[in-house]
Amino acid sequence: MKQFTGYLQKEFLEIIRSGKLTILTLLSVLFGIMNPLFAKLTPWLMQLMSEQLSEAGMSVGEVSVDAMTSWTQFYKNIPIELIIFIVIFSGILTTEYLKGTLTIVLTKGLKRWKVIVSKLITMVVMWSYCFWLCYFITYFYNSYFWSNNIASHLFFSAFCIYLFGIWICSLIILASTFLKNSYAVLVSTGVIVIISYILGMLPQLSEYLPTYLLSSSSLLTNALTINSFLYSIIIIIILTTLNILSSVIFFNKKSV
């Protein structure tokens, strides 16, 4: 247990020393502030553009914004944050292959499954930190400027996106167990997400795919119900569990 705790501590120290924590914190705060700020500035921006649009024969009516405008921006920005997160952590395991550091810790008796679990915990903790920091900054600014009561199922809709990010973390770990560089991990993860998205265009499959959770913003306006996402949540939990188990099996057989 001491080896596992020590290795986990090493992972978090590496994130701090490498500047990843600083980058992700600044990014989350920036997006969290940008969501309500964009909503606040929208009427002003439209007013600036109104003269140019009127010259082109187009008229701009009065623009009203509220918390829903800010939350709409939140769901547009969070996939960007997730992509940056994936890029930053795509080498969480493959970098150690290149440096040869895994060989050292494994020869000292650290079990292989503990390496996988510690890497996964590190990613999940960092994703949780980034996602919820951005969410609560947006939430509190929206409460200050307007009212969040206009949006339905705020927490559940956000939780769906958060759960999608957990699945992505498990995909990165799985891909890292049989690929040798971070670029390959990044591409394979992206391909799987794209395949899921394309399959989601089939109405009979969409509700059973992980990418369906990305449409959870529809809950804010009651365009969809919570029950609409139950199948995709169950599927993504099963897939995440299988990814973790498969990662342990593949890594146990991998020559490091």
Protein backbone atom coordinates (compact mmCIF):
# COMPACT_ATOMS: atom_id res chain seq x y z
CA MET A 1 0.00 0.00 0.00
CA LYS A 2 2.89 2.36 0.72
CA GLN A 3 4.26 1.79 -2.78
CA PHE A 4 0.88 2.59 -4.32
CA THR A 5 0.46 5.73 -2.21
CA GLY A 6 4.00 6.83 -3.00
CA TYR A 7 3.51 6.30 -6.74
CA LEU A 8 0.20 8.18 -6.66
CA GLN A 9 1.86 11.04 -4.83
CA LYS A 10 4.57 11.07 -7.48
CA GLU A 11 1.93 11.41 -10.19
CA PHE A 12 0.36 14.49 -8.61
CA LEU A 13 3.74 16.07 -7.91
CA GLU A 14 4.62 15.57 -11.57
CA ILE A 15 1.43 17.37 -12.62
CA ILE A 16 2.32 20.30 -10.36
CA ARG A 17 5.98 20.48 -11.40
CA SER A 18 5.25 20.17 -15.11
CA GLY A 19 2.86 23.11 -14.97
CA LYS A 20 -0.13 21.04 -16.07
CA LEU A 21 -2.08 21.96 -12.93
CA THR A 22 -1.47 25.66 -13.56
CA ILE A 23 -2.50 25.42 -17.21
CA LEU A 24 -5.68 23.47 -16.45
CA THR A 25 -6.61 25.77 -13.57
CA LEU A 26 -6.22 28.90 -15.68
CA LEU A 27 -8.14 27.26 -18.51
CA SER A 28 -11.03 26.24 -16.27
CA VAL A 29 -11.23 29.67 -14.63
CA LEU A 30 -11.05 31.37 -18.03
CA PHE A 31 -13.87 29.31 -19.51
CA GLY A 32 -15.89 29.64 -16.31
CA ILE A 33 -15.71 33.44 -16.51
CA MET A 34 -16.08 33.60 -20.30
CA ASN A 35 -19.50 31.92 -20.27
CA PRO A 36 -21.39 34.65 -18.35
CA LEU A 37 -19.11 37.36 -19.75
CA PHE A 38 -20.01 36.42 -23.31
CA ALA A 39 -23.70 36.53 -22.39
CA LYS A 40 -23.25 39.94 -20.74
CA LEU A 41 -21.41 41.38 -23.73
CA THR A 42 -23.77 40.01 -26.39
CA PRO A 43 -26.21 43.00 -26.39
CA TRP A 44 -23.26 45.42 -26.54
CA LEU A 45 -21.66 43.50 -29.42
CA MET A 46 -24.93 43.40 -31.32
CA GLN A 47 -25.35 47.14 -30.83
CA LEU A 48 -21.89 47.76 -32.28
CA MET A 49 -22.76 45.63 -35.29
CA SER A 50 -26.23 47.13 -35.77
CA GLU A 51 -24.97 50.11 -37.84
CA GLN A 52 -23.03 47.90 -40.23
CA LEU A 53 -25.94 45.49 -40.53
CA SER A 54 -28.40 48.32 -41.17
CA GLU A 55 -26.25 49.52 -44.09
CA ALA A 56 -26.61 46.03 -45.54
CA GLY A 57 -30.37 46.25 -45.19
CA MET A 58 -30.61 44.14 -42.05
CA SER A 59 -32.15 45.29 -38.80
CA VAL A 60 -31.25 44.11 -35.33
CA GLY A 61 -33.92 44.01 -32.68
CA GLU A 62 -33.43 44.24 -28.95
CA VAL A 63 -31.28 41.39 -27.65
CA SER A 64 -32.09 40.00 -24.22
CA VAL A 65 -29.76 37.64 -22.36
CA ASP A 66 -30.16 35.55 -19.26
CA ALA A 67 -28.56 32.59 -17.47
CA MET A 68 -29.63 30.28 -20.30
CA THR A 69 -27.43 32.25 -22.70
CA SER A 70 -24.47 31.68 -20.39
CA TRP A 71 -25.21 27.97 -19.93
CA THR A 72 -25.48 27.54 -23.70
CA GLN A 73 -21.98 28.98 -23.94
CA PHE A 74 -20.81 26.62 -21.17
CA TYR A 75 -21.86 23.57 -23.21
CA LYS A 76 -20.09 24.97 -26.27
CA ASN A 77 -16.84 25.59 -24.39
CA ILE A 78 -16.59 22.46 -22.26
CA PRO A 79 -15.82 20.15 -25.24
CA ILE A 80 -12.89 22.46 -26.06
CA GLU A 81 -11.62 22.11 -22.51
CA LEU A 82 -12.01 18.34 -22.76
CA ILE A 83 -9.98 18.24 -26.00
CA ILE A 84 -7.17 20.23 -24.35
CA PHE A 85 -7.36 17.89 -21.36
CA ILE A 86 -6.99 14.87 -23.66
CA VAL A 87 -3.97 16.41 -25.40
CA ILE A 88 -2.28 17.15 -22.06
CA PHE A 89 -2.83 13.66 -20.64
CA SER A 90 -2.48 11.56 -23.79
CA GLY A 91 1.10 10.77 -22.78
CA ILE A 92 0.39 9.90 -19.16
CA LEU A 93 1.64 6.33 -19.69
CA THR A 94 3.49 6.39 -23.01
CA THR A 95 5.92 9.06 -21.77
CA GLU A 96 7.10 6.63 -19.12
CA TYR A 97 7.73 3.98 -21.78
CA LEU A 98 10.09 6.39 -23.53
CA LYS A 99 11.86 7.47 -20.33
CA GLY A 100 12.11 3.91 -18.99
CA THR A 101 10.85 4.97 -15.56
CA LEU A 102 8.24 2.21 -15.44
CA THR A 103 10.92 -0.44 -15.53
CA ILE A 104 12.45 1.01 -12.36
CA VAL A 105 9.23 1.05 -10.32
CA LEU A 106 8.14 -2.39 -11.55
CA THR A 107 11.47 -3.98 -10.65
CA LYS A 108 11.07 -2.51 -7.17
CA GLY A 109 7.92 -4.58 -6.70
CA LEU A 110 5.09 -2.24 -7.65
CA LYS A 111 2.22 -4.29 -9.06
CA ARG A 112 1.25 -3.47 -12.63
CA TRP A 113 -2.42 -3.03 -11.82
CA LYS A 114 -1.45 -0.35 -9.30
CA VAL A 115 0.25 1.60 -12.06
CA ILE A 116 -2.95 1.55 -14.13
CA VAL A 117 -5.16 2.46 -11.17
CA SER A 118 -2.89 5.30 -10.05
CA LYS A 119 -2.81 6.76 -13.58
CA LEU A 120 -6.58 6.51 -13.83
CA ILE A 121 -7.13 8.10 -10.41
CA THR A 122 -4.81 10.95 -11.38
CA MET A 123 -6.75 11.64 -14.57
CA VAL A 124 -10.17 11.36 -12.94
CA VAL A 125 -9.19 13.70 -10.09
CA MET A 126 -7.81 16.26 -12.53
CA TRP A 127 -10.85 16.02 -14.82
CA SER A 128 -13.16 16.39 -11.81
CA TYR A 129 -11.21 19.42 -10.64
CA CYS A 130 -11.23 21.11 -14.06
CA PHE A 131 -14.83 20.37 -14.94
CA TRP A 132 -16.46 21.31 -11.66
CA LEU A 133 -14.29 24.39 -11.19
CA CYS A 134 -15.51 25.69 -14.55
CA TYR A 135 -19.09 24.65 -13.75
CA PHE A 136 -19.32 26.34 -10.36
CA ILE A 137 -17.67 29.56 -11.54
CA THR A 138 -20.30 29.76 -14.28
CA TYR A 139 -23.04 28.82 -11.83
CA PHE A 140 -22.18 31.50 -9.26
CA TYR A 141 -21.72 34.25 -11.85
CA ASN A 142 -25.06 33.32 -13.40
CA SER A 143 -26.67 33.47 -9.96
CA TYR A 144 -25.15 36.92 -9.40
CA PHE A 145 -26.16 38.45 -12.74
CA TRP A 146 -29.43 36.62 -13.38
CA SER A 147 -31.04 33.49 -11.92
CA ASN A 148 -30.27 29.85 -12.59
CA ASN A 149 -33.91 28.93 -12.01
CA ILE A 150 -34.57 29.48 -15.70
CA ALA A 151 -32.64 26.29 -16.52
CA SER A 152 -33.93 22.81 -15.64
CA HIS A 153 -31.84 19.84 -14.45
CA LEU A 154 -28.66 21.91 -14.19
CA PHE A 155 -26.63 19.43 -12.17
CA PHE A 156 -27.77 16.30 -14.00
CA SER A 157 -27.10 17.76 -17.44
CA ALA A 158 -23.59 18.73 -16.31
CA PHE A 159 -23.07 15.32 -14.72
CA CYS A 160 -23.72 13.67 -18.10
CA ILE A 161 -20.85 15.63 -19.67
CA TYR A 162 -18.67 14.88 -16.65
CA LEU A 163 -19.38 11.16 -17.00
CA PHE A 164 -18.45 11.35 -20.67
CA GLY A 165 -15.08 12.78 -19.60
CA ILE A 166 -14.54 9.84 -17.22
CA TRP A 167 -15.11 7.47 -20.14
CA ILE A 168 -12.53 9.40 -22.16
CA CYS A 169 -10.03 8.99 -19.30
CA SER A 170 -10.53 5.22 -19.38
CA LEU A 171 -10.08 5.23 -23.17
CA ILE A 172 -6.75 7.04 -22.86
CA ILE A 173 -5.53 4.52 -20.29
CA LEU A 174 -6.67 1.59 -22.45
CA ALA A 175 -5.05 2.96 -25.60
CA SER A 176 -1.84 3.64 -23.66
CA THR A 177 -1.48 -0.02 -22.71
CA PHE A 178 -0.91 -1.17 -26.29
CA LEU A 179 0.30 1.98 -28.09
CA LYS A 180 3.79 3.40 -27.74
CA ASN A 181 3.39 7.15 -28.21
CA SER A 182 1.00 9.89 -27.13
CA TYR A 183 0.11 10.87 -30.71
CA ALA A 184 -1.21 7.36 -31.41
CA VAL A 185 -3.19 7.44 -28.16
CA LEU A 186 -4.64 10.82 -29.12
CA VAL A 187 -5.65 9.65 -32.59
CA SER A 188 -7.15 6.34 -31.42
CA THR A 189 -9.19 8.09 -28.74
CA GLY A 190 -10.45 10.62 -31.27
CA VAL A 191 -11.36 7.89 -33.77
CA ILE A 192 -13.44 6.02 -31.19
CA VAL A 193 -15.32 9.20 -30.27
CA ILE A 194 -15.92 10.02 -33.95
CA ILE A 195 -17.22 6.50 -34.62
CA SER A 196 -19.60 6.83 -31.68
CA TYR A 197 -20.75 10.21 -32.99
CA ILE A 198 -21.35 8.88 -36.52
CA LEU A 199 -23.28 5.87 -35.22
CA GLY A 200 -25.32 8.30 -33.13
CA MET A 201 -26.79 9.68 -36.35
CA LEU A 202 -28.85 6.48 -36.52
CA PRO A 203 -31.99 7.18 -34.44
CA GLN A 204 -32.27 3.57 -33.27
CA LEU A 205 -28.72 3.63 -31.82
CA SER A 206 -28.24 7.20 -30.59
CA GLU A 207 -29.60 6.77 -27.05
CA TYR A 208 -27.28 3.81 -26.41
CA LEU A 209 -24.02 5.55 -27.32
CA PRO A 210 -21.62 7.49 -25.06
CA THR A 211 -21.67 10.57 -27.31
CA TYR A 212 -25.42 10.92 -26.70
CA LEU A 213 -24.51 12.40 -23.32
CA LEU A 214 -23.06 15.41 -25.14
CA SER A 215 -26.62 16.44 -25.98
CA SER A 216 -27.54 16.75 -22.31
CA SER A 217 -27.81 20.54 -22.66
CA SER A 218 -31.28 19.81 -24.08
CA LEU A 219 -32.34 19.04 -20.51
CA LEU A 220 -32.01 22.71 -19.62
CA THR A 221 -35.00 23.59 -21.77
CA ASN A 222 -36.85 20.31 -21.10
CA ALA A 223 -36.45 19.39 -24.76
CA LEU A 224 -35.37 15.97 -23.44
CA THR A 225 -36.08 14.18 -20.18
CA ILE A 226 -33.70 12.57 -17.70
CA ASN A 227 -35.02 9.15 -18.71
CA SER A 228 -33.74 9.77 -22.23
CA PHE A 229 -30.16 9.46 -20.95
CA LEU A 230 -30.49 6.42 -18.70
CA TYR A 231 -29.47 3.91 -21.38
CA SER A 232 -26.39 5.89 -22.44
CA ILE A 233 -25.37 6.32 -18.78
CA ILE A 234 -25.63 2.58 -18.14
CA ILE A 235 -23.70 1.82 -21.34
CA ILE A 236 -20.94 4.31 -20.56
CA ILE A 237 -20.51 2.91 -17.04
CA ILE A 238 -20.21 -0.61 -18.47
CA LEU A 239 -17.75 0.53 -21.16
CA THR A 240 -15.64 2.43 -18.63
CA THR A 241 -15.47 -0.63 -16.38
CA LEU A 242 -14.49 -2.85 -19.33
CA ASN A 243 -11.84 -0.34 -20.39
CA ILE A 244 -10.26 -0.40 -16.95
CA LEU A 245 -10.31 -4.19 -16.68
CA SER A 246 -8.92 -4.54 -20.21
CA SER A 247 -6.18 -2.04 -19.41
CA VAL A 248 -5.04 -4.11 -16.44
CA ILE A 249 -5.07 -7.34 -18.51
CA PHE A 250 -3.17 -5.81 -21.46
CA PHE A 251 -0.64 -4.05 -19.26
CA ASN A 252 0.09 -7.25 -17.34
CA LYS A 253 1.08 -8.87 -20.65
CA LYS A 254 2.94 -5.87 -22.03
CA SER A 255 6.72 -5.88 -22.28
CA VAL A 256 7.91 -2.64 -20.69
